């Protein structure tokens, strides 16, 4: 079993209020969740207008599945025209059988 945690540091350049930021982040979080069947949440900067951090948790039985899901999630975040990706962190843990 392989567990991965991804963290995306984002900038929402056109948000002028928390309401506008959430109107961008909420659909992004839901889109990532739907596209890869993973757990996703905004994990930092909840009270900052133009910043956000999204955390993603993925569990798979093998490395090939993990690579595929990580690629799907990254692509979904990177291709969102309403956010600027500032940084990505990825950590893996492989658990013995």
Protein backbone atom coordinates (compact mmCIF):
# COMPACT_ATOMS: atom_id res chain seq x y z
CA UNK A 1 0.00 0.00 0.00
CA UNK A 2 1.29 3.46 -0.90
CA UNK A 3 0.05 6.69 0.67
CA UNK A 4 0.81 10.10 -0.81
CA UNK A 5 0.18 13.58 0.44
CA UNK A 6 0.26 16.54 -1.92
CA UNK A 7 0.14 20.18 -0.93
CA UNK A 8 -0.47 22.93 -3.47
CA UNK A 9 0.31 26.53 -2.50
CA UNK A 10 -1.88 28.74 -4.63
CA UNK A 11 -2.44 32.38 -5.42
CA UNK A 12 -5.89 33.57 -6.49
CA UNK A 13 -4.90 36.83 -8.21
CA UNK A 14 -8.37 38.14 -9.06
CA UNK A 15 -9.98 37.57 -5.66
CA UNK A 16 -10.83 40.80 -3.85
CA UNK A 17 -12.67 39.15 -0.97
CA UNK A 18 -12.93 35.82 0.82
CA UNK A 19 -16.20 35.19 -1.00
CA UNK A 20 -14.49 35.61 -4.39
CA UNK A 21 -11.60 33.38 -3.32
CA UNK A 22 -13.97 30.65 -2.16
CA UNK A 23 -15.85 30.89 -5.47
CA UNK A 24 -12.58 29.83 -7.13
CA UNK A 25 -11.24 27.33 -4.56
CA UNK A 26 -14.45 25.40 -3.90
CA UNK A 27 -14.93 24.30 -7.55
CA UNK A 28 -11.22 23.46 -7.80
CA UNK A 29 -11.39 21.24 -4.70
CA UNK A 30 -14.55 19.52 -5.96
CA UNK A 31 -13.06 19.07 -9.44
CA UNK A 32 -9.93 17.41 -8.04
CA UNK A 33 -12.07 15.18 -5.82
CA UNK A 34 -14.27 14.09 -8.75
CA UNK A 35 -11.48 13.64 -11.28
CA UNK A 36 -9.38 11.31 -9.13
CA UNK A 37 -11.59 10.05 -6.28
CA UNK A 38 -9.18 11.42 -3.67
CA UNK A 39 -9.56 13.32 -0.40
CA UNK A 40 -9.07 17.08 -0.82
CA UNK A 41 -9.33 20.05 1.51
CA UNK A 42 -8.22 23.65 1.81
CA UNK A 43 -5.58 23.33 4.53
CA UNK A 44 -4.20 26.85 5.04
CA UNK A 45 -4.75 30.54 4.34
CA UNK A 46 -8.53 30.25 4.83
CA UNK A 47 -8.74 33.89 5.96
CA UNK A 48 -6.49 35.36 3.26
CA UNK A 49 -8.06 36.74 0.09
CA UNK A 50 -5.52 35.80 -2.53
CA UNK A 51 -3.78 32.77 -1.01
CA UNK A 52 -4.78 29.18 -0.48
CA UNK A 53 -3.20 25.81 0.21
CA UNK A 54 -4.92 22.62 -0.86
CA UNK A 55 -4.05 19.24 0.61
CA UNK A 56 -4.70 15.98 -1.24
CA UNK A 57 -4.47 12.46 0.22
CA UNK A 58 -4.14 9.43 -2.05
CA UNK A 59 -3.99 5.73 -1.15
CA UNK A 60 -3.24 3.09 -3.79
CA UNK A 61 -2.16 -0.54 -3.82
CA UNK A 62 0.78 -0.08 -6.24
CA UNK A 63 3.22 2.52 -7.63
CA UNK A 64 1.69 2.60 -11.12
CA UNK A 65 -1.74 3.56 -9.76
CA UNK A 66 -0.14 6.21 -7.57
CA UNK A 67 1.75 7.77 -10.48
CA UNK A 68 -1.45 7.92 -12.53
CA UNK A 69 -3.50 9.59 -9.77
CA UNK A 70 -0.77 12.09 -8.88
CA UNK A 71 -0.54 13.07 -12.55
CA UNK A 72 -4.32 13.55 -12.77
CA UNK A 73 -4.40 15.71 -9.64
CA UNK A 74 -1.41 17.83 -10.69
CA UNK A 75 -2.83 18.41 -14.15
CA UNK A 76 -6.21 19.46 -12.73
CA UNK A 77 -4.61 22.05 -10.42
CA UNK A 78 -2.02 23.29 -12.93
CA UNK A 79 -4.61 23.80 -15.67
CA UNK A 80 -7.03 25.89 -13.60
CA UNK A 81 -6.84 29.36 -15.17
CA UNK A 82 -8.12 31.10 -12.03
CA UNK A 83 -5.19 30.13 -9.80
CA UNK A 84 -1.45 30.56 -9.93
CA UNK A 85 0.50 27.57 -8.63
CA UNK A 86 3.26 28.82 -6.32
CA UNK A 87 4.61 25.55 -4.95
CA UNK A 88 3.88 21.82 -4.86
CA UNK A 89 5.01 19.39 -2.18
CA UNK A 90 4.66 15.62 -2.58
CA UNK A 91 5.49 13.00 0.04
CA UNK A 92 5.11 9.23 -0.21
CA UNK A 93 4.91 6.54 2.43
CA UNK A 94 5.10 2.90 1.43
CA UNK A 95 3.63 0.54 3.98
CA UNK A 96 4.67 -3.10 4.29
CA UNK A 97 2.18 -5.79 3.61
